[in-house]
PDB file of all heavy atoms in Angstrom:
ATOM      1  N   GLY A   1     -12.209   9.921 -12.739  1.00  0.00           N
ATOM      2  CA  GLY A   1     -12.570  10.752 -13.916  1.00  0.00           C
ATOM      3  C   GLY A   1     -11.707  10.524 -15.129  1.00  0.00           C
ATOM      4  O   GLY A   1     -11.959  11.309 -16.132  1.00  0.00           O
ATOM      5  N   TYR A   2     -10.833   9.632 -15.196  1.00  0.00           N
ATOM      6  CA  TYR A   2      -9.970   9.455 -16.432  1.00  0.00           C
ATOM      7  C   TYR A   2     -10.701   8.426 -17.330  1.00  0.00           C
ATOM      8  O   TYR A   2     -10.746   7.199 -16.969  1.00  0.00           O
ATOM      9  CB  TYR A   2      -8.568   8.958 -15.994  1.00  0.00           C
ATOM     10  CG  TYR A   2      -7.706  10.015 -15.342  1.00  0.00           C
ATOM     11  CD1 TYR A   2      -7.937  10.359 -13.946  1.00  0.00           C
ATOM     12  CD2 TYR A   2      -6.780  10.783 -16.058  1.00  0.00           C
ATOM     13  CE1 TYR A   2      -7.188  11.363 -13.443  1.00  0.00           C
ATOM     14  CE2 TYR A   2      -6.069  11.725 -15.509  1.00  0.00           C
ATOM     15  CZ  TYR A   2      -6.246  12.064 -14.153  1.00  0.00           C
ATOM     16  OH  TYR A   2      -5.541  13.066 -13.597  1.00  0.00           O
ATOM     17  N   GLU A   3     -11.165   8.885 -18.438  1.00  0.00           N
ATOM     18  CA  GLU A   3     -12.011   8.028 -19.315  1.00  0.00           C
ATOM     19  C   GLU A   3     -11.281   7.320 -20.374  1.00  0.00           C
ATOM     20  O   GLU A   3     -11.644   6.268 -20.822  1.00  0.00           O
ATOM     21  CB  GLU A   3     -13.117   8.968 -19.941  1.00  0.00           C
ATOM     22  CG  GLU A   3     -14.041   9.591 -18.868  1.00  0.00           C
ATOM     23  CD  GLU A   3     -15.022  10.527 -19.521  1.00  0.00           C
ATOM     24  OE1 GLU A   3     -14.885  10.764 -20.724  1.00  0.00           O
ATOM     25  OE2 GLU A   3     -15.859  10.988 -18.794  1.00  0.00           O
ATOM     26  N   LYS A   4     -10.146   7.869 -20.832  1.00  0.00           N
ATOM     27  CA  LYS A   4      -9.347   7.269 -21.934  1.00  0.00           C
ATOM     28  C   LYS A   4      -8.089   6.717 -21.431  1.00  0.00           C
ATOM     29  O   LYS A   4      -7.109   7.390 -21.230  1.00  0.00           O
ATOM     30  CB  LYS A   4      -9.106   8.332 -23.057  1.00  0.00           C
ATOM     31  CG  LYS A   4     -10.363   8.892 -23.670  1.00  0.00           C
ATOM     32  CD  LYS A   4     -10.065   9.959 -24.718  1.00  0.00           C
ATOM     33  CE  LYS A   4     -11.302  10.538 -25.315  1.00  0.00           C
ATOM     34  NZ  LYS A   4     -10.981  11.508 -26.413  1.00  0.00           N
ATOM     35  N   VAL A   5      -8.130   5.391 -21.215  1.00  0.00           N
ATOM     36  CA  VAL A   5      -6.954   4.654 -20.696  1.00  0.00           C
ATOM     37  C   VAL A   5      -6.680   3.500 -21.656  1.00  0.00           C
ATOM     38  O   VAL A   5      -7.514   2.737 -22.034  1.00  0.00           O
ATOM     39  CB  VAL A   5      -7.258   4.095 -19.243  1.00  0.00           C
ATOM     40  CG1 VAL A   5      -5.957   3.401 -18.795  1.00  0.00           C
ATOM     41  CG2 VAL A   5      -7.685   5.212 -18.374  1.00  0.00           C
ATOM     42  N   ARG A   6      -5.386   3.439 -22.125  1.00  0.00           N
ATOM     43  CA  ARG A   6      -4.929   2.383 -22.993  1.00  0.00           C
ATOM     44  C   ARG A   6      -3.933   1.542 -22.264  1.00  0.00           C
ATOM     45  O   ARG A   6      -3.177   2.010 -21.459  1.00  0.00           O
ATOM     46  CB  ARG A   6      -4.253   2.998 -24.259  1.00  0.00           C
ATOM     47  CG  ARG A   6      -5.236   3.988 -25.046  1.00  0.00           C
ATOM     48  CD  ARG A   6      -6.229   3.229 -25.902  1.00  0.00           C
ATOM     49  NE  ARG A   6      -5.619   2.315 -26.828  1.00  0.00           N
ATOM     50  CZ  ARG A   6      -5.165   2.707 -27.991  1.00  0.00           C
ATOM     51  NH1 ARG A   6      -5.219   3.975 -28.370  1.00  0.00           N
ATOM     52  NH2 ARG A   6      -4.636   1.816 -28.824  1.00  0.00           N
ATOM     53  N   PHE A   7      -3.917   0.245 -22.670  1.00  0.00           N
ATOM     54  CA  PHE A   7      -2.963  -0.642 -22.060  1.00  0.00           C
ATOM     55  C   PHE A   7      -2.096  -1.364 -23.049  1.00  0.00           C
ATOM     56  O   PHE A   7      -2.621  -1.518 -24.160  1.00  0.00           O
ATOM     57  CB  PHE A   7      -3.767  -1.794 -21.211  1.00  0.00           C
ATOM     58  CG  PHE A   7      -4.564  -1.241 -20.106  1.00  0.00           C
ATOM     59  CD1 PHE A   7      -5.920  -1.102 -20.140  1.00  0.00           C
ATOM     60  CD2 PHE A   7      -3.934  -0.882 -18.946  1.00  0.00           C
ATOM     61  CE1 PHE A   7      -6.683  -0.556 -19.093  1.00  0.00           C
ATOM     62  CE2 PHE A   7      -4.671  -0.373 -17.871  1.00  0.00           C
ATOM     63  CZ  PHE A   7      -6.014  -0.248 -17.961  1.00  0.00           C
ATOM     64  N   ALA A   8      -0.893  -1.631 -22.684  1.00  0.00           N
ATOM     65  CA  ALA A   8      -0.001  -2.466 -23.586  1.00  0.00           C
ATOM     66  C   ALA A   8       0.776  -3.472 -22.799  1.00  0.00           C
ATOM     67  O   ALA A   8       0.981  -3.229 -21.539  1.00  0.00           O
ATOM     68  CB  ALA A   8       0.937  -1.516 -24.291  1.00  0.00           C
ATOM     69  N   GLU A   9       1.094  -4.596 -23.336  1.00  0.00           N
ATOM     70  CA  GLU A   9       1.746  -5.654 -22.635  1.00  0.00           C
ATOM     71  C   GLU A   9       3.220  -5.892 -23.012  1.00  0.00           C
ATOM     72  O   GLU A   9       3.884  -6.738 -22.437  1.00  0.00           O
ATOM     73  CB  GLU A   9       0.966  -6.961 -22.805  1.00  0.00           C
ATOM     74  CG  GLU A   9      -0.429  -6.857 -22.201  1.00  0.00           C
ATOM     75  CD  GLU A   9      -1.181  -8.140 -22.380  1.00  0.00           C
ATOM     76  OE1 GLU A   9      -0.578  -9.157 -22.853  1.00  0.00           O
ATOM     77  OE2 GLU A   9      -2.396  -8.200 -22.064  1.00  0.00           O
ATOM     78  N   ASP A  10       3.683  -5.120 -24.053  1.00  0.00           N
ATOM     79  CA  ASP A  10       5.074  -5.289 -24.383  1.00  0.00           C
ATOM     80  C   ASP A  10       5.602  -3.992 -25.033  1.00  0.00           C
ATOM     81  O   ASP A  10       4.915  -3.041 -25.155  1.00  0.00           O
ATOM     82  CB  ASP A  10       5.195  -6.445 -25.393  1.00  0.00           C
ATOM     83  CG  ASP A  10       4.380  -6.341 -26.581  1.00  0.00           C
ATOM     84  OD1 ASP A  10       4.023  -5.187 -27.000  1.00  0.00           O
ATOM     85  OD2 ASP A  10       3.946  -7.373 -27.152  1.00  0.00           O
ATOM     86  N   HIS A  11       6.892  -4.049 -25.382  1.00  0.00           N
ATOM     87  CA  HIS A  11       7.596  -2.878 -25.854  1.00  0.00           C
ATOM     88  C   HIS A  11       6.926  -2.293 -27.040  1.00  0.00           C
ATOM     89  O   HIS A  11       6.629  -1.103 -27.132  1.00  0.00           O
ATOM     90  CB  HIS A  11       9.047  -3.396 -26.195  1.00  0.00           C
ATOM     91  CG  HIS A  11       9.936  -2.226 -26.720  1.00  0.00           C
ATOM     92  ND1 HIS A  11      11.236  -2.208 -26.160  1.00  0.00           N
ATOM     93  CD2 HIS A  11       9.757  -1.258 -27.523  1.00  0.00           C
ATOM     94  CE1 HIS A  11      11.798  -1.135 -26.746  1.00  0.00           C
ATOM     95  NE2 HIS A  11      10.967  -0.526 -27.533  1.00  0.00           N
ATOM     96  N   SER A  12       6.684  -3.143 -28.048  1.00  0.00           N
ATOM     97  CA  SER A  12       6.025  -2.573 -29.304  1.00  0.00           C
ATOM     98  C   SER A  12       4.678  -2.062 -29.070  1.00  0.00           C
ATOM     99  O   SER A  12       4.234  -1.034 -29.751  1.00  0.00           O
ATOM    100  CB  SER A  12       6.063  -3.718 -30.311  1.00  0.00           C
ATOM    101  OG  SER A  12       5.253  -4.800 -29.957  1.00  0.00           O
ATOM    102  N   GLY A  13       3.868  -2.699 -28.146  1.00  0.00           N
ATOM    103  CA  GLY A  13       2.572  -2.158 -27.859  1.00  0.00           C
ATOM    104  C   GLY A  13       2.572  -0.770 -27.315  1.00  0.00           C
ATOM    105  O   GLY A  13       1.756   0.033 -27.600  1.00  0.00           O
ATOM    106  N   VAL A  14       3.540  -0.560 -26.418  1.00  0.00           N
ATOM    107  CA  VAL A  14       3.720   0.832 -25.785  1.00  0.00           C
ATOM    108  C   VAL A  14       4.067   1.887 -26.861  1.00  0.00           C
ATOM    109  O   VAL A  14       3.428   2.934 -26.993  1.00  0.00           O
ATOM    110  CB  VAL A  14       4.797   0.819 -24.748  1.00  0.00           C
ATOM    111  CG1 VAL A  14       5.096   2.223 -24.227  1.00  0.00           C
ATOM    112  CG2 VAL A  14       4.464  -0.078 -23.574  1.00  0.00           C
ATOM    113  N   ILE A  15       4.972   1.549 -27.714  1.00  0.00           N
ATOM    114  CA  ILE A  15       5.378   2.455 -28.839  1.00  0.00           C
ATOM    115  C   ILE A  15       4.242   2.769 -29.741  1.00  0.00           C
ATOM    116  O   ILE A  15       4.026   3.888 -30.168  1.00  0.00           O
ATOM    117  CB  ILE A  15       6.618   1.944 -29.567  1.00  0.00           C
ATOM    118  CG1 ILE A  15       7.811   1.815 -28.612  1.00  0.00           C
ATOM    119  CG2 ILE A  15       7.004   2.802 -30.741  1.00  0.00           C
ATOM    120  CD1 ILE A  15       8.223   3.083 -27.958  1.00  0.00           C
ATOM    121  N   ASP A  16       3.509   1.702 -30.135  1.00  0.00           N
ATOM    122  CA  ASP A  16       2.335   1.882 -31.107  1.00  0.00           C
ATOM    123  C   ASP A  16       1.319   2.952 -30.451  1.00  0.00           C
ATOM    124  O   ASP A  16       0.872   3.775 -31.191  1.00  0.00           O
ATOM    125  CB  ASP A  16       1.651   0.515 -31.340  1.00  0.00           C
ATOM    126  CG  ASP A  16       2.531  -0.367 -32.183  1.00  0.00           C
ATOM    127  OD1 ASP A  16       3.466   0.158 -32.819  1.00  0.00           O
ATOM    128  OD2 ASP A  16       2.258  -1.575 -32.229  1.00  0.00           O
ATOM    129  N   ILE A  17       1.003   2.768 -29.240  1.00  0.00           N
ATOM    130  CA  ILE A  17       0.085   3.668 -28.607  1.00  0.00           C
ATOM    131  C   ILE A  17       0.689   5.085 -28.516  1.00  0.00           C
ATOM    132  O   ILE A  17      -0.087   6.062 -28.854  1.00  0.00           O
ATOM    133  CB  ILE A  17      -0.259   3.156 -27.164  1.00  0.00           C
ATOM    134  CG1 ILE A  17      -1.068   1.853 -27.263  1.00  0.00           C
ATOM    135  CG2 ILE A  17      -1.126   4.241 -26.426  1.00  0.00           C
ATOM    136  CD1 ILE A  17      -1.364   1.229 -25.940  1.00  0.00           C
ATOM    137  N   LEU A  18       1.876   5.237 -28.062  1.00  0.00           N
ATOM    138  CA  LEU A  18       2.471   6.572 -27.921  1.00  0.00           C
ATOM    139  C   LEU A  18       2.594   7.301 -29.257  1.00  0.00           C
ATOM    140  O   LEU A  18       2.459   8.575 -29.346  1.00  0.00           O
ATOM    141  CB  LEU A  18       3.810   6.522 -27.206  1.00  0.00           C
ATOM    142  CG  LEU A  18       3.745   6.031 -25.713  1.00  0.00           C
ATOM    143  CD1 LEU A  18       5.154   6.043 -25.153  1.00  0.00           C
ATOM    144  CD2 LEU A  18       2.834   6.918 -24.947  1.00  0.00           C
ATOM    145  N   ARG A  19       2.853   6.598 -30.292  1.00  0.00           N
ATOM    146  CA  ARG A  19       3.084   7.314 -31.549  1.00  0.00           C
ATOM    147  C   ARG A  19       1.810   7.808 -32.225  1.00  0.00           C
ATOM    148  O   ARG A  19       1.764   8.514 -33.178  1.00  0.00           O
ATOM    149  CB  ARG A  19       3.835   6.364 -32.581  1.00  0.00           C
ATOM    150  CG  ARG A  19       5.267   6.325 -32.188  1.00  0.00           C
ATOM    151  CD  ARG A  19       6.137   5.392 -33.063  1.00  0.00           C
ATOM    152  NE  ARG A  19       7.495   5.447 -32.699  1.00  0.00           N
ATOM    153  CZ  ARG A  19       8.422   4.571 -33.148  1.00  0.00           C
ATOM    154  NH1 ARG A  19       8.059   3.617 -33.912  1.00  0.00           N
ATOM    155  NH2 ARG A  19       9.685   4.710 -32.699  1.00  0.00           N
ATOM    156  N   GLN A  20       0.686   7.452 -31.641  1.00  0.00           N
ATOM    157  CA  GLN A  20      -0.602   8.029 -31.996  1.00  0.00           C
ATOM    158  C   GLN A  20      -0.782   9.439 -31.375  1.00  0.00           C
ATOM    159  O   GLN A  20      -1.707  10.113 -31.752  1.00  0.00           O
ATOM    160  CB  GLN A  20      -1.767   7.107 -31.507  1.00  0.00           C
ATOM    161  CG  GLN A  20      -1.820   5.802 -32.229  1.00  0.00           C
ATOM    162  CD  GLN A  20      -2.895   4.897 -31.659  1.00  0.00           C
ATOM    163  OE1 GLN A  20      -3.879   5.320 -31.113  1.00  0.00           O
ATOM    164  NE2 GLN A  20      -2.645   3.551 -31.780  1.00  0.00           N
ATOM    165  N   ARG A  21       0.135   9.776 -30.447  1.00  0.00           N
ATOM    166  CA  ARG A  21       0.227  11.074 -29.870  1.00  0.00           C
ATOM    167  C   ARG A  21      -1.099  11.510 -29.267  1.00  0.00           C
ATOM    168  O   ARG A  21      -1.507  12.685 -29.325  1.00  0.00           O
ATOM    169  CB  ARG A  21       0.696  12.109 -30.953  1.00  0.00           C
ATOM    170  CG  ARG A  21       2.108  11.736 -31.487  1.00  0.00           C
ATOM    171  CD  ARG A  21       2.554  12.654 -32.545  1.00  0.00           C
ATOM    172  NE  ARG A  21       2.785  13.972 -32.099  1.00  0.00           N
ATOM    173  CZ  ARG A  21       3.048  15.036 -32.930  1.00  0.00           C
ATOM    174  NH1 ARG A  21       3.231  14.756 -34.223  1.00  0.00           N
ATOM    175  NH2 ARG A  21       3.206  16.228 -32.456  1.00  0.00           N
ATOM    176  N   GLU A  22      -1.714  10.640 -28.559  1.00  0.00           N
ATOM    177  CA  GLU A  22      -2.952  10.945 -27.831  1.00  0.00           C
ATOM    178  C   GLU A  22      -2.831  10.745 -26.323  1.00  0.00           C
ATOM    179  O   GLU A  22      -3.738  10.898 -25.566  1.00  0.00           O
ATOM    180  CB  GLU A  22      -4.073  10.061 -28.347  1.00  0.00           C
ATOM    181  CG  GLU A  22      -4.494  10.284 -29.830  1.00  0.00           C
ATOM    182  CD  GLU A  22      -5.624   9.392 -30.154  1.00  0.00           C
ATOM    183  OE1 GLU A  22      -5.952   8.466 -29.493  1.00  0.00           O
ATOM    184  OE2 GLU A  22      -6.127   9.601 -31.280  1.00  0.00           O
ATOM    185  N   THR A  23      -1.560  10.390 -25.886  1.00  0.00           N
ATOM    186  CA  THR A  23      -1.317  10.034 -24.483  1.00  0.00           C
ATOM    187  C   THR A  23      -0.667  11.152 -23.773  1.00  0.00           C
ATOM    188  O   THR A  23       0.304  11.714 -24.300  1.00  0.00           O
ATOM    189  CB  THR A  23      -0.465   8.755 -24.421  1.00  0.00           C
ATOM    190  OG1 THR A  23      -1.033   7.696 -25.257  1.00  0.00           O
ATOM    191  CG2 THR A  23      -0.301   8.250 -22.994  1.00  0.00           C
ATOM    192  N   ASP A  24      -1.188  11.413 -22.546  1.00  0.00           N
ATOM    193  CA  ASP A  24      -0.619  12.584 -21.750  1.00  0.00           C
ATOM    194  C   ASP A  24       0.422  12.080 -20.761  1.00  0.00           C
ATOM    195  O   ASP A  24       1.335  12.900 -20.414  1.00  0.00           O
ATOM    196  CB  ASP A  24      -1.700  13.225 -20.987  1.00  0.00           C
ATOM    197  CG  ASP A  24      -2.810  13.809 -21.928  1.00  0.00           C
ATOM    198  OD1 ASP A  24      -2.430  14.519 -22.848  1.00  0.00           O
ATOM    199  OD2 ASP A  24      -4.007  13.537 -21.698  1.00  0.00           O
ATOM    200  N   VAL A  25       0.296  10.847 -20.296  1.00  0.00           N
ATOM    201  CA  VAL A  25       1.343  10.344 -19.353  1.00  0.00           C
ATOM    202  C   VAL A  25       1.282   8.901 -19.478  1.00  0.00           C
ATOM    203  O   VAL A  25       0.290   8.243 -19.760  1.00  0.00           O
ATOM    204  CB  VAL A  25       1.014  10.771 -17.905  1.00  0.00           C
ATOM    205  CG1 VAL A  25      -0.406  10.272 -17.448  1.00  0.00           C
ATOM    206  CG2 VAL A  25       2.034  10.320 -16.890  1.00  0.00           C
ATOM    207  N   THR A  26       2.521   8.211 -19.315  1.00  0.00           N
ATOM    208  CA  THR A  26       2.578   6.745 -19.338  1.00  0.00           C
ATOM    209  C   THR A  26       3.056   6.240 -17.955  1.00  0.00           C
ATOM    210  O   THR A  26       4.047   6.709 -17.366  1.00  0.00           O
ATOM    211  CB  THR A  26       3.676   6.327 -20.366  1.00  0.00           C
ATOM    212  OG1 THR A  26       3.180   6.792 -21.671  1.00  0.00           O
ATOM    213  CG2 THR A  26       3.812   4.819 -20.382  1.00  0.00           C
ATOM    214  N   MET A  27       2.277   5.274 -17.434  1.00  0.00           N
ATOM    215  CA  MET A  27       2.749   4.537 -16.180  1.00  0.00           C
ATOM    216  C   MET A  27       3.335   3.210 -16.715  1.00  0.00           C
ATOM    217  O   MET A  27       2.663   2.375 -17.337  1.00  0.00           O
ATOM    218  CB  MET A  27       1.533   4.214 -15.327  1.00  0.00           C
ATOM    219  CG  MET A  27       1.086   5.493 -14.563  1.00  0.00           C
ATOM    220  SD  MET A  27      -0.320   5.188 -13.525  1.00  0.00           S
ATOM    221  CE  MET A  27      -1.606   5.358 -14.737  1.00  0.00           C
ATOM    222  N   LEU A  28       4.639   3.128 -16.501  1.00  0.00           N
ATOM    223  CA  LEU A  28       5.413   2.037 -17.160  1.00  0.00           C
ATOM    224  C   LEU A  28       6.029   1.090 -16.104  1.00  0.00           C
ATOM    225  O   LEU A  28       6.622   1.587 -15.095  1.00  0.00           O
ATOM    226  CB  LEU A  28       6.490   2.643 -17.980  1.00  0.00           C
ATOM    227  CG  LEU A  28       7.300   1.767 -18.897  1.00  0.00           C
ATOM    228  CD1 LEU A  28       6.391   1.263 -20.022  1.00  0.00           C
ATOM    229  CD2 LEU A  28       8.406   2.579 -19.588  1.00  0.00           C
ATOM    230  N   ASP A  29       5.822  -0.264 -16.259  1.00  0.00           N
ATOM    231  CA  ASP A  29       6.428  -1.195 -15.379  1.00  0.00           C
ATOM    232  C   ASP A  29       7.953  -1.081 -15.454  1.00  0.00           C
ATOM    233  O   ASP A  29       8.552  -0.957 -16.488  1.00  0.00           O
ATOM    234  CB  ASP A  29       5.972  -2.622 -15.755  1.00  0.00           C
ATOM    235  CG  ASP A  29       6.489  -3.675 -14.856  1.00  0.00           C
ATOM    236  OD1 ASP A  29       7.658  -4.126 -15.064  1.00  0.00           O
ATOM    237  OD2 ASP A  29       5.791  -3.931 -13.903  1.00  0.00           O
ATOM    238  N   PHE A  30       8.565  -1.041 -14.218  1.00  0.00           N
ATOM    239  CA  PHE A  30       9.977  -0.765 -14.161  1.00  0.00           C
ATOM    240  C   PHE A  30      10.784  -1.844 -14.890  1.00  0.00           C
ATOM    241  O   PHE A  30      11.805  -1.538 -15.557  1.00  0.00           O
ATOM    242  CB  PHE A  30      10.388  -0.673 -12.656  1.00  0.00           C
ATOM    243  CG  PHE A  30      11.811  -0.246 -12.515  1.00  0.00           C
ATOM    244  CD1 PHE A  30      12.080   1.089 -12.537  1.00  0.00           C
ATOM    245  CD2 PHE A  30      12.854  -1.115 -12.286  1.00  0.00           C
ATOM    246  CE1 PHE A  30      13.347   1.557 -12.378  1.00  0.00           C
ATOM    247  CE2 PHE A  30      14.178  -0.733 -12.120  1.00  0.00           C
ATOM    248  CZ  PHE A  30      14.410   0.653 -12.188  1.00  0.00           C
ATOM    249  N   LYS A  31      10.402  -3.091 -14.809  1.00  0.00           N
ATOM    250  CA  LYS A  31      11.157  -4.085 -15.488  1.00  0.00           C
ATOM    251  C   LYS A  31      11.155  -3.909 -17.018  1.00  0.00           C
ATOM    252  O   LYS A  31      12.071  -4.122 -17.753  1.00  0.00           O
ATOM    253  CB  LYS A  31      10.646  -5.533 -15.144  1.00  0.00           C
ATOM    254  CG  LYS A  31      10.877  -5.949 -13.729  1.00  0.00           C
ATOM    255  CD  LYS A  31      10.412  -7.341 -13.471  1.00  0.00           C
ATOM    256  CE  LYS A  31      10.782  -7.804 -12.023  1.00  0.00           C
ATOM    257  NZ  LYS A  31      10.207  -9.174 -11.735  1.00  0.00           N
ATOM    258  N   MET A  32       9.957  -3.519 -17.539  1.00  0.00           N
ATOM    259  CA  MET A  32       9.825  -3.282 -18.932  1.00  0.00           C
ATOM    260  C   MET A  32      10.720  -2.068 -19.376  1.00  0.00           C
ATOM    261  O   MET A  32      11.318  -2.013 -20.422  1.00  0.00           O
ATOM    262  CB  MET A  32       8.361  -3.000 -19.285  1.00  0.00           C
ATOM    263  CG  MET A  32       8.069  -2.869 -20.808  1.00  0.00           C
ATOM    264  SD  MET A  32       6.397  -2.440 -21.147  1.00  0.00           S
ATOM    265  CE  MET A  32       5.587  -3.884 -20.596  1.00  0.00           C
TER     266      MET A  32
END
């Protein structure tokens, strides 16, 4: 039932998504 899922492949992509302040939780690759 999770309809809004965003993906990022690098450091800057993660930050760009999070700074839109629409994300409730981040699943983050440990190496990243």
